[in-house]
Protein backbone atom coordinates (compact mmCIF):
# COMPACT_ATOMS: atom_id res chain seq x y z
CA MET A 1 20.47 -6.98 -22.46
CA GLU A 2 21.25 -10.49 -21.26
CA ALA A 3 19.08 -11.86 -18.42
CA ASP A 4 22.11 -12.86 -16.38
CA ALA A 5 23.93 -9.54 -16.83
CA PRO A 6 24.41 -7.47 -13.69
CA ILE A 7 21.97 -4.65 -13.02
CA PRO A 8 23.66 -1.37 -14.00
CA ASN A 9 24.12 1.50 -11.56
CA VAL A 10 23.56 -0.65 -8.48
CA ARG A 11 23.63 1.57 -5.37
CA PRO A 12 23.71 0.89 -1.64
CA GLY A 13 20.34 -0.50 -0.61
CA GLN A 14 19.52 -1.79 -4.11
CA LYS A 15 19.54 -5.54 -4.63
CA ASP A 16 19.51 -7.89 -7.57
CA LEU A 17 16.51 -10.05 -6.68
CA THR A 18 17.14 -12.60 -9.46
CA SER A 19 20.23 -14.20 -7.94
CA GLY A 20 21.62 -15.29 -4.61
CA PRO A 21 19.98 -17.08 -1.67
CA ILE A 22 16.22 -16.51 -1.86
CA THR A 23 15.24 -16.53 1.82
CA ARG A 24 18.05 -14.24 2.95
CA THR A 25 17.55 -11.84 0.02
CA LEU A 26 13.80 -11.71 0.67
CA LEU A 27 14.29 -11.09 4.38
CA VAL A 28 16.84 -8.30 3.88
CA PHE A 29 14.56 -6.70 1.27
CA ALA A 30 11.42 -6.99 3.42
CA LEU A 31 12.84 -5.61 6.69
CA PRO A 32 13.14 -1.96 5.52
CA THR A 33 9.59 -2.17 4.13
CA LEU A 34 8.36 -3.41 7.50
CA ALA A 35 10.25 -0.63 9.27
CA SER A 36 8.63 1.91 6.91
CA SER A 37 5.16 0.61 7.83
CA ILE A 38 5.94 0.85 11.53
CA LEU A 39 7.22 4.40 11.05
CA GLN A 40 4.03 5.43 9.29
CA SER A 41 1.86 4.00 12.06
CA LEU A 42 3.94 5.58 14.79
CA ASN A 43 3.84 8.90 12.96
CA GLY A 44 0.04 8.82 12.88
CA SER A 45 -0.22 7.68 16.49
CA ILE A 46 2.12 10.38 17.82
CA ASN A 47 0.34 13.08 15.85
CA ALA A 48 -2.97 11.85 17.26
CA VAL A 49 -1.49 12.21 20.76
CA TRP A 50 -0.44 15.82 20.02
CA ILE A 51 -3.88 16.68 18.68
CA GLY A 52 -5.69 14.95 21.54
CA GLN A 53 -3.55 16.54 24.24
CA PHE A 54 -3.61 20.07 22.83
CA LEU A 55 -7.00 20.30 21.11
CA GLY A 56 -9.25 17.64 22.65
CA GLU A 57 -11.63 14.95 21.46
CA LYS A 58 -13.43 17.10 18.87
CA ALA A 59 -10.14 17.61 17.03
CA ILE A 60 -9.48 13.85 17.12
CA ALA A 61 -12.94 13.25 15.66
CA ALA A 62 -12.21 15.87 12.99
CA THR A 63 -9.00 14.15 11.87
CA THR A 64 -10.80 10.77 11.88
CA ASN A 65 -13.41 12.07 9.44
CA ALA A 66 -10.76 13.73 7.27
CA ASN A 67 -8.58 10.60 7.24
CA ILE A 68 -11.45 8.52 5.88
CA VAL A 69 -11.58 10.84 2.86
CA MET A 70 -7.81 10.68 2.42
CA PHE A 71 -7.77 6.89 2.62
CA LEU A 72 -10.26 6.73 -0.24
CA MET A 73 -8.07 9.12 -2.26
CA PHE A 74 -5.00 6.92 -1.77
CA SER A 75 -6.86 3.72 -2.58
CA ALA A 76 -7.84 5.25 -5.93
CA VAL A 77 -4.19 5.70 -7.01
CA PHE A 78 -2.54 2.82 -5.13
CA GLY A 79 -3.40 0.25 -7.79
CA PHE A 80 -1.85 2.31 -10.57
CA GLY A 81 1.34 2.72 -8.53
CA MET A 82 1.42 -1.02 -7.90
CA ALA A 83 0.96 -1.77 -11.61
CA ALA A 84 3.87 0.54 -12.43
CA THR A 85 6.00 -1.13 -9.75
CA ILE A 86 5.42 -4.59 -11.22
CA LEU A 87 6.22 -3.40 -14.75
CA ILE A 88 9.41 -1.77 -13.45
CA GLY A 89 10.37 -4.96 -11.60
CA GLN A 90 9.88 -7.10 -14.70
CA SER A 91 11.85 -4.64 -16.82
CA ILE A 92 14.73 -4.63 -14.34
CA GLY A 93 14.64 -8.43 -14.30
CA ARG A 94 15.10 -8.35 -18.09
CA ARG A 95 17.86 -5.73 -17.62
CA ASP A 96 15.82 -3.35 -19.78
CA VAL A 97 16.46 -0.06 -17.97
CA ASP A 98 14.93 2.04 -20.75
CA ALA A 99 11.61 0.20 -20.43
CA ALA A 100 11.66 0.79 -16.67
CA ARG A 101 12.23 4.51 -17.24
CA ARG A 102 9.39 4.66 -19.74
CA VAL A 103 7.10 3.15 -17.08
CA ILE A 104 8.20 5.61 -14.38
CA GLY A 105 7.83 8.48 -16.86
CA THR A 106 4.26 7.58 -17.85
CA ALA A 107 3.29 6.86 -14.25
CA PHE A 108 4.84 10.12 -13.06
CA GLY A 109 2.87 12.05 -15.68
CA ILE A 110 -0.35 10.34 -14.57
CA PHE A 111 0.35 11.04 -10.90
CA VAL A 112 1.20 14.71 -11.50
CA LEU A 113 -2.12 15.21 -13.24
CA ALA A 114 -4.06 13.15 -10.68
CA SER A 115 -2.50 14.95 -7.72
CA LEU A 116 -3.21 18.42 -9.14
CA VAL A 117 -6.82 17.50 -9.94
CA THR A 118 -7.26 15.95 -6.48
CA MET A 119 -5.75 18.99 -4.76
CA THR A 120 -7.92 21.47 -6.64
CA ALA A 121 -11.15 19.48 -6.49
CA GLY A 122 -10.54 18.53 -2.86
CA TRP A 123 -10.17 22.14 -1.75
CA PHE A 124 -13.55 23.08 -3.21
CA LEU A 125 -15.39 19.80 -2.55
CA ALA A 126 -14.17 19.28 1.02
CA PRO A 127 -17.39 20.73 2.56
CA ALA A 128 -19.58 18.41 0.47
CA LEU A 129 -17.41 15.38 1.30
CA LEU A 130 -17.65 16.05 5.03
CA ARG A 131 -21.42 16.52 4.82
CA LEU A 132 -21.64 13.23 2.91
CA LEU A 133 -19.90 11.56 5.87
CA ALA A 134 -22.48 13.14 8.21
CA THR A 135 -19.69 14.88 10.14
CA PRO A 136 -21.17 16.26 13.39
CA ALA A 137 -21.82 19.99 13.35
CA ASP A 138 -19.44 20.74 16.23
CA VAL A 139 -16.65 18.80 14.49
CA TYR A 140 -17.26 20.08 10.95
CA PRO A 141 -15.26 23.38 11.12
CA LEU A 142 -12.21 21.61 12.52
CA ALA A 143 -12.45 18.80 9.98
CA LEU A 144 -12.78 21.30 7.12
CA ALA A 145 -9.73 23.33 8.22
CA TYR A 146 -7.67 20.15 8.54
CA LEU A 147 -8.84 18.48 5.33
CA ARG A 148 -8.27 21.50 3.08
CA VAL A 149 -4.63 21.82 4.13
CA ILE A 150 -4.12 18.06 3.73
CA PHE A 151 -5.45 18.30 0.17
CA LEU A 152 -2.71 20.86 -0.56
CA SER A 153 -0.15 18.17 0.32
CA MET A 154 -1.47 15.74 -2.32
CA PRO A 155 1.13 16.45 -5.07
CA PRO A 156 4.22 15.56 -2.98
CA THR A 157 2.36 12.75 -1.23
CA PHE A 158 1.20 11.04 -4.43
CA LEU A 159 4.53 11.52 -6.21
CA SER A 160 6.61 10.37 -3.22
CA THR A 161 4.46 7.25 -2.99
CA LEU A 162 5.09 6.51 -6.67
CA LEU A 163 8.86 7.04 -6.38
CA ILE A 164 9.04 4.88 -3.25
CA MET A 165 7.11 2.05 -4.92
CA SER A 166 9.25 2.38 -8.06
CA LEU A 167 12.47 2.17 -6.04
CA ARG A 168 11.21 -1.03 -4.45
CA GLY A 169 10.50 -2.37 -7.93
CA THR A 170 14.18 -1.87 -8.80
CA GLY A 171 15.18 -3.81 -5.68
CA ASP A 172 15.84 -0.83 -3.39
CA SER A 173 13.80 -0.91 -0.17
CA LEU A 174 16.37 0.95 1.95
CA THR A 175 16.23 4.39 0.29
CA PRO A 176 12.44 4.67 0.82
CA LEU A 177 12.95 3.96 4.53
CA TRP A 178 15.34 6.93 4.99
CA PHE A 179 13.02 9.41 3.32
CA MET A 180 9.92 8.13 5.06
CA ALA A 181 11.86 8.54 8.31
CA LEU A 182 12.76 12.11 7.30
CA SER A 183 9.09 12.90 6.65
CA ALA A 184 7.98 11.31 9.94
CA VAL A 185 10.57 13.18 12.04
CA ILE A 186 9.68 16.56 10.52
CA ASP A 187 5.95 15.87 10.87
CA VAL A 188 6.16 14.80 14.51
CA ALA A 189 8.50 17.66 15.45
CA LEU A 190 6.44 20.39 13.77
CA ASN A 191 3.03 19.25 15.05
CA PRO A 192 3.27 20.74 18.57
CA VAL A 193 5.08 23.85 17.27
CA LEU A 194 2.41 24.71 14.69
CA ILE A 195 -0.56 23.62 16.81
CA ARG A 196 0.38 25.69 19.87
CA GLY A 197 2.70 28.26 18.32
CA LEU A 198 6.28 29.01 19.33
CA GLY A 199 7.96 32.43 19.39
CA PRO A 200 7.05 34.28 16.19
CA ILE A 201 5.17 31.22 14.87
CA PRO A 202 1.42 31.72 15.48
CA ALA A 203 -0.81 29.04 16.99
CA MET A 204 -2.67 27.43 14.08
CA GLY A 205 -4.71 24.84 15.96
CA ILE A 206 -5.75 21.79 13.98
CA ALA A 207 -4.65 23.45 10.72
CA GLY A 208 -1.15 23.48 12.23
CA SER A 209 -1.14 19.69 12.40
CA ALA A 210 -2.10 19.46 8.72
CA THR A 211 0.50 22.14 7.84
CA ALA A 212 3.19 20.09 9.58
CA THR A 213 2.25 17.13 7.37
CA LEU A 214 2.28 19.37 4.28
CA ILE A 215 5.78 20.74 5.06
CA ALA A 216 7.12 17.27 5.88
CA ASN A 217 5.78 15.83 2.61
CA TYR A 218 7.21 18.61 0.44
CA VAL A 219 10.64 18.49 2.12
CA SER A 220 10.79 14.69 1.89
CA PHE A 221 9.71 14.67 -1.78
CA VAL A 222 12.21 17.33 -2.89
CA SER A 223 14.98 15.59 -0.92
CA LEU A 224 14.12 12.22 -2.45
CA VAL A 225 14.22 13.61 -6.00
CA ALA A 226 17.54 15.33 -5.28
CA TYR A 227 18.96 12.07 -3.91
CA ILE A 228 17.76 10.05 -6.92
CA TYR A 229 19.58 12.40 -9.29
CA ALA A 230 22.66 12.82 -7.09
CA ARG A 231 23.12 9.04 -6.93
CA ASP A 232 22.02 8.52 -10.55
CA LEU A 233 19.52 5.85 -9.52
CA LEU A 234 17.83 3.74 -12.16
CA ILE A 235 14.50 5.57 -12.09
CA ARG A 236 15.93 9.02 -12.88
CA LEU A 237 15.12 10.64 -16.25
CA ARG A 238 17.61 12.83 -18.10
CA GLY A 239 17.79 14.60 -21.44
CA PRO A 240 15.67 12.89 -24.11
CA GLU A 241 14.23 10.56 -21.44
CA LEU A 242 12.25 13.48 -19.96
CA ARG A 243 9.79 13.09 -22.84
CA TYR A 244 8.68 9.83 -21.18
CA ILE A 245 6.69 11.98 -18.70
CA LEU A 246 4.20 12.52 -21.53
CA PRO A 247 2.14 9.31 -21.11
CA GLN A 248 2.41 6.77 -23.93
CA GLY A 249 -0.98 5.44 -25.01
CA ALA A 250 -0.21 1.71 -24.93
CA LEU A 251 1.63 1.96 -21.63
CA LEU A 252 -1.11 4.11 -20.15
CA ARG A 253 -3.73 1.51 -21.08
CA MET A 254 -1.61 -1.25 -19.54
CA ILE A 255 -1.21 0.60 -16.23
CA PHE A 256 -4.92 1.38 -16.04
CA ALA A 257 -6.00 -2.15 -17.00
CA LYS A 258 -3.82 -3.75 -14.32
CA GLY A 259 -4.00 -0.95 -11.76
CA LEU A 260 -7.77 -0.58 -11.54
CA PRO A 261 -8.45 -4.08 -10.11
CA MET A 262 -5.65 -3.62 -7.55
CA GLY A 263 -7.09 -0.26 -6.49
CA LEU A 264 -10.53 -1.85 -6.17
CA GLN A 265 -9.07 -4.40 -3.74
CA VAL A 266 -8.21 -1.56 -1.37
CA LEU A 267 -11.74 -0.17 -1.75
CA VAL A 268 -13.21 -3.59 -0.93
CA PHE A 269 -11.09 -3.72 2.25
CA SER A 270 -12.19 -0.23 3.30
CA THR A 271 -15.86 -0.87 2.48
CA SER A 272 -15.88 -4.11 4.47
CA ALA A 273 -14.21 -2.37 7.42
CA LEU A 274 -16.87 0.37 7.43
CA ALA A 275 -19.67 -2.21 7.16
CA MET A 276 -18.22 -4.25 10.04
CA ILE A 277 -17.98 -1.16 12.25
CA GLY A 278 -21.66 -0.54 11.57
CA LEU A 279 -22.51 -4.03 12.85
CA VAL A 280 -20.21 -3.74 15.86
CA ASN A 281 -21.68 -0.36 16.86
CA ARG A 282 -25.04 -2.08 17.42
CA GLN A 283 -23.51 -4.24 20.16
CA GLY A 284 -23.00 -1.37 22.61
CA THR A 285 -20.31 1.06 23.67
CA ALA A 286 -18.13 -1.44 25.55
CA THR A 287 -18.03 -3.82 22.56
CA THR A 288 -17.27 -0.98 20.14
CA ALA A 289 -14.41 0.22 22.35
CA ALA A 290 -13.08 -3.32 22.68
CA TYR A 291 -13.24 -3.85 18.91
CA GLY A 292 -11.45 -0.55 18.31
CA ALA A 293 -8.66 -1.51 20.72
CA SER A 294 -8.31 -4.94 19.13
CA SER A 295 -8.14 -3.32 15.69
CA GLN A 296 -5.16 -1.29 16.88
CA LEU A 297 -3.32 -4.53 17.69
CA TRP A 298 -4.30 -6.10 14.37
CA THR A 299 -2.71 -3.18 12.52
CA TYR A 300 0.68 -4.22 13.86
CA ILE A 301 0.02 -7.95 13.45
CA GLN A 302 -0.69 -7.44 9.74
CA MET A 303 2.41 -5.36 9.09
CA PRO A 304 4.82 -8.29 8.52
CA ALA A 305 2.38 -9.87 6.06
CA MET A 306 2.07 -6.60 4.14
CA ALA A 307 5.84 -6.09 4.10
CA VAL A 308 6.58 -9.67 3.02
CA GLY A 309 3.85 -9.43 0.37
CA ALA A 310 5.38 -6.25 -1.08
CA ALA A 311 8.84 -7.85 -1.08
CA VAL A 312 7.56 -11.04 -2.71
CA SER A 313 5.78 -9.01 -5.42
CA ALA A 314 8.96 -7.11 -6.34
CA MET A 315 11.14 -10.22 -6.17
CA ALA A 316 8.73 -12.35 -8.22
CA ALA A 317 8.35 -9.58 -10.82
CA GLN A 318 12.12 -9.35 -11.34
CA ASN A 319 12.48 -13.13 -11.64
CA ILE A 320 9.55 -13.37 -14.05
CA GLY A 321 11.13 -10.61 -16.14
CA ALA A 322 14.42 -12.51 -16.09
CA GLY A 323 12.67 -15.75 -17.09
CA ARG A 324 13.75 -17.38 -13.81
CA TRP A 325 10.54 -19.34 -13.23
CA ASP A 326 12.54 -21.88 -11.26
CA ARG A 327 12.98 -19.22 -8.56
CA VAL A 328 9.40 -17.88 -8.56
CA GLY A 329 7.97 -20.91 -6.74
CA LEU A 330 10.83 -20.79 -4.26
CA VAL A 331 10.12 -17.10 -3.62
CA ALA A 332 6.51 -17.98 -2.81
CA ARG A 333 7.59 -20.77 -0.45
CA ALA A 334 10.12 -18.55 1.32
CA GLY A 335 7.50 -15.80 1.70
CA ILE A 336 4.97 -18.18 3.21
CA MET A 337 7.47 -19.57 5.73
CA MET A 338 8.69 -16.08 6.65
CA ASN A 339 5.13 -14.89 7.18
CA LEU A 340 4.25 -17.88 9.38
CA VAL A 341 7.31 -17.39 11.57
CA VAL A 342 7.13 -13.60 12.01
CA THR A 343 3.33 -13.20 12.12
CA GLY A 344 3.00 -16.29 14.30
CA ALA A 345 5.53 -14.91 16.76
CA LEU A 346 3.68 -11.57 16.90
CA ILE A 347 0.34 -13.28 17.49
CA LEU A 348 1.86 -15.31 20.33
CA ILE A 349 3.54 -12.31 21.98
CA ILE A 350 0.43 -10.14 21.80
CA GLY A 351 -1.71 -13.04 22.99
CA LEU A 352 0.44 -13.48 26.10
CA ALA A 353 0.61 -9.75 26.86
CA ASP A 354 -2.81 -8.70 25.57
CA ARG A 355 -4.17 -7.46 28.92
CA HIS A 356 -1.22 -5.11 29.38
CA VAL A 357 -1.31 -3.87 25.80
CA LEU A 358 -5.09 -3.38 25.75
CA TRP A 359 -4.84 -1.36 28.94
CA LEU A 360 -3.09 1.36 26.91
CA PHE A 361 -6.29 1.86 24.91
CA LEU A 362 -9.01 0.91 27.40
CA GLY A 363 -7.55 2.04 30.73
CA ASN A 364 -9.07 0.26 33.73
CA ASP A 365 -12.31 -0.75 32.03
CA ASP A 366 -12.15 -4.46 32.94
CA HIS A 367 -15.38 -5.28 31.09
CA ALA A 368 -14.14 -3.81 27.80
CA ILE A 369 -10.70 -5.41 28.27
CA ALA A 370 -12.33 -8.84 28.76
CA ILE A 371 -14.34 -8.41 25.54
CA ALA A 372 -11.24 -7.25 23.66
CA ARG A 373 -9.19 -10.21 24.88
CA HIS A 374 -11.88 -12.59 23.66
CA ILE A 375 -12.10 -10.84 20.28
CA ASN A 376 -8.34 -11.02 19.91
CA LEU A 377 -8.30 -14.72 20.85
CA VAL A 378 -10.89 -15.57 18.19
CA VAL A 379 -9.58 -13.38 15.38
CA SER A 380 -5.82 -12.84 15.69
CA TRP A 381 -4.67 -16.33 14.63
CA SER A 382 -6.44 -15.91 11.28
CA PHE A 383 -3.95 -13.20 10.30
CA ALA A 384 -1.38 -15.94 9.73
CA LEU A 385 -3.73 -17.26 7.02
CA PHE A 386 -4.15 -13.71 5.73
CA GLY A 387 -0.37 -13.49 5.38
CA ILE A 388 -0.15 -16.69 3.33
CA GLY A 389 -2.85 -15.34 1.06
CA MET A 390 -0.96 -12.07 0.70
CA VAL A 391 2.12 -13.97 -0.53
CA LEU A 392 0.17 -16.03 -3.08
CA THR A 393 -1.62 -12.91 -4.34
CA ALA A 394 1.71 -11.07 -4.61
CA VAL A 395 3.20 -13.83 -6.76
CA VAL A 396 0.33 -14.13 -9.25
CA ARG A 397 -0.04 -10.34 -9.37
CA ALA A 398 3.64 -10.06 -10.35
CA ASN A 399 2.74 -11.73 -13.66
CA GLY A 400 -0.30 -9.52 -14.29
CA ALA A 401 -3.03 -11.69 -12.73
CA VAL A 402 -5.09 -9.00 -10.99
CA VAL A 403 -8.75 -9.83 -11.72
CA ALA A 404 -8.85 -13.26 -10.06
CA PRO A 405 -7.44 -11.96 -6.71
CA LEU A 406 -10.08 -9.19 -6.75
CA ILE A 407 -12.90 -11.70 -7.32
CA ILE A 408 -11.53 -13.96 -4.57
CA LEU A 409 -11.41 -11.04 -2.15
CA ILE A 410 -14.98 -9.98 -2.95
CA VAL A 411 -16.27 -13.54 -2.48
CA SER A 412 -14.43 -14.10 0.81
CA VAL A 413 -15.54 -10.75 2.26
CA PHE A 414 -19.16 -10.33 1.22
CA PRO A 415 -20.82 -13.71 0.56
CA VAL A 416 -18.71 -15.49 3.20
CA ARG A 417 -17.75 -13.09 6.01
CA PHE A 418 -20.86 -10.95 6.03
CA MET A 419 -23.22 -13.86 5.39
CA ILE A 420 -21.89 -15.54 8.52
CA ALA A 421 -22.02 -12.28 10.48
CA LEU A 422 -25.56 -11.34 9.45
CA THR A 423 -27.13 -14.79 9.65
CA GLY A 424 -25.33 -15.62 12.89
CA LEU A 425 -26.14 -12.42 14.78
CA PRO A 426 -29.69 -13.44 15.79
CA HIS A 427 -28.46 -16.78 17.13
CA TRP A 428 -24.96 -16.16 18.50
CA GLY A 429 -24.90 -12.40 18.97
CA ALA A 430 -21.53 -10.66 18.69
CA GLU A 431 -19.78 -14.04 18.56
CA ALA A 432 -20.90 -14.34 14.93
CA LEU A 433 -19.03 -11.13 14.09
CA TRP A 434 -15.74 -12.34 15.54
CA TRP A 435 -15.88 -15.81 13.94
CA SER A 436 -16.70 -14.30 10.55
CA PHE A 437 -13.09 -13.09 10.33
CA PRO A 438 -11.45 -16.56 10.44
CA ALA A 439 -14.18 -17.90 8.13
CA GLY A 440 -13.41 -15.23 5.54
CA SER A 441 -9.66 -15.82 5.85
CA ILE A 442 -10.06 -19.59 5.40
CA ALA A 443 -12.30 -19.17 2.34
CA SER A 444 -9.90 -16.64 0.82
CA LEU A 445 -6.85 -18.84 1.40
CA ILE A 446 -8.52 -21.91 -0.12
CA LEU A 447 -9.52 -20.00 -3.26
CA GLN A 448 -6.11 -18.31 -3.56
CA ALA A 449 -4.29 -21.63 -3.16
CA LEU A 450 -6.50 -23.29 -5.79
CA TYR A 451 -5.87 -20.48 -8.25
CA TYR A 452 -2.12 -20.51 -7.58
CA ARG A 453 -1.94 -24.29 -7.99
CA SER A 454 -3.95 -24.17 -11.23
CA GLY A 455 -1.10 -22.30 -12.91
CA ARG A 456 -3.47 -20.31 -15.13
CA TRP A 457 -1.87 -17.10 -13.88
CA LYS A 458 1.39 -18.15 -15.55
CA THR A 459 -0.19 -17.90 -19.00
CA LEU A 460 -0.87 -14.17 -18.59
CA ARG A 461 1.56 -11.54 -19.76
CA MET A 462 2.31 -8.12 -18.30
CA ALA A 463 5.09 -6.56 -20.33
CA VAL A 464 6.01 -2.98 -21.18
CA PRO A 465 4.72 -2.21 -24.69
CA PRO A 466 7.41 -1.07 -27.15
CA SER A 467 8.00 2.64 -27.52
CA PRO A 468 6.63 4.27 -30.71
CA MET A 469 10.18 4.35 -32.14
CA GLU A 470 10.73 0.67 -31.31
CA ALA A 471 7.39 -0.25 -32.84
CA GLU A 472 8.26 1.60 -36.04
CA GLU A 473 11.67 -0.07 -36.23
CA GLN A 474 10.04 -3.48 -35.63
CA ALA A 475 7.52 -2.83 -38.41
CA LEU A 476 10.28 -1.86 -40.82
CA SER A 477 12.36 -4.90 -39.93
CA ASP A 478 9.33 -7.14 -40.53
CA CYS A 479 8.91 -5.72 -44.03
CA GLU A 480 12.49 -5.31 -45.28
CA PRO A 481 14.17 -7.16 -46.73
CA ALA A 482 13.05 -10.68 -45.76
CA GLY A 483 9.56 -9.70 -44.71
CA ARG A 484 8.46 -8.66 -48.19
CA MET A 485 5.20 -10.09 -49.49
CA TYR A 486 6.74 -10.85 -52.87
CA PRO A 487 9.53 -13.28 -53.83
CA ALA A 488 13.07 -12.05 -53.26
CA GLY A 489 14.49 -13.10 -56.49
């Protein structure tokens, strides 16, 4: 198909990211992704309120332990979903819908298998996982009841995540928002009903909260699949295309080779967060509480950067697939400016209202609030640098450069951030912990900018391998008639 041909089957919410004004297109594409992130956070926060109000602090501790396990599960598959998304974006940029469907088919087959294995293994291994986390004895039964039900929700959760990421790869960020909203509404509404019981519905306690999530995920997944087929969206598979669900070897190797480093990036983030909590815990209860409250604010500050990064990745992938390298640099520039404006505004607003916002988490503990305000003052501005780095990483990743960003992240987190934290603790106390965040962000941004400017990432290739039939046809065309090894005379 021609690179400048219109994308077929364009539906409401789907956008051609290879044409039109870059900044406006990027903004309109990123806003639903940002709204989806906010919905997810609010969903978790409201459910935590239900659990805390109805079941108490032990139940909150139980869900915290279980959620650590679930985060590690998601980080293991996130990279493969991201690799599939980039391949889909490049295929759509080339107007090669069949290649995009082969990617979604192979990825779907992988995710079905992974989700079933995770569900089964998780049910039986949940006790061992919780013991590995040293879950307190009085919390363990609650955590086990919650975690086992959550593991049952893995198939729709994994598959919904893949479909949502794939839709964004085609340029549709609006459809995922509606179905994430559907899941969040059902989850929030069912939590109190299943926890406390209502009419003929028995009180299920903490297992009721997990069951609400399970029901919400299944309903949302089935509804999303029905919508994809009802609207004949680009990622649907019909007839002979259903065979794409059987993973193709070459495509499978491509997704694993590119997905593994991206999944490891999430693991590096989670490992560094756990290590930092260990250092903070040694500074006393007030400091730990203050750090926890500040972390809640940082979750929201980082959301625009994450949303813009996801939008930039999809937009850059489509333009790379279309051969529109003239637009790729402009996409990066627009993403950086958007991040600085939105993230900068959030940092300023939270900085001016931090005492009032922190009160929500710390109550009237003036000592903890003072520590939290200082932590926020030192650290929050560095998230603007984090956002710029996210954009640069998203652009190079869209062309298949995934190892260099992983190495840069590892260097900026462990040799830089933790070296400053550990060596500075004896001299500056907790101050060394807070200043290690900006130091890590500065080091990461410098390395990312140098790699981006070098242009070496442009020489890489991340393309969908030909199907077996296409490969056979190509081989035949290379041999007959002009490709013969003997003279044609």
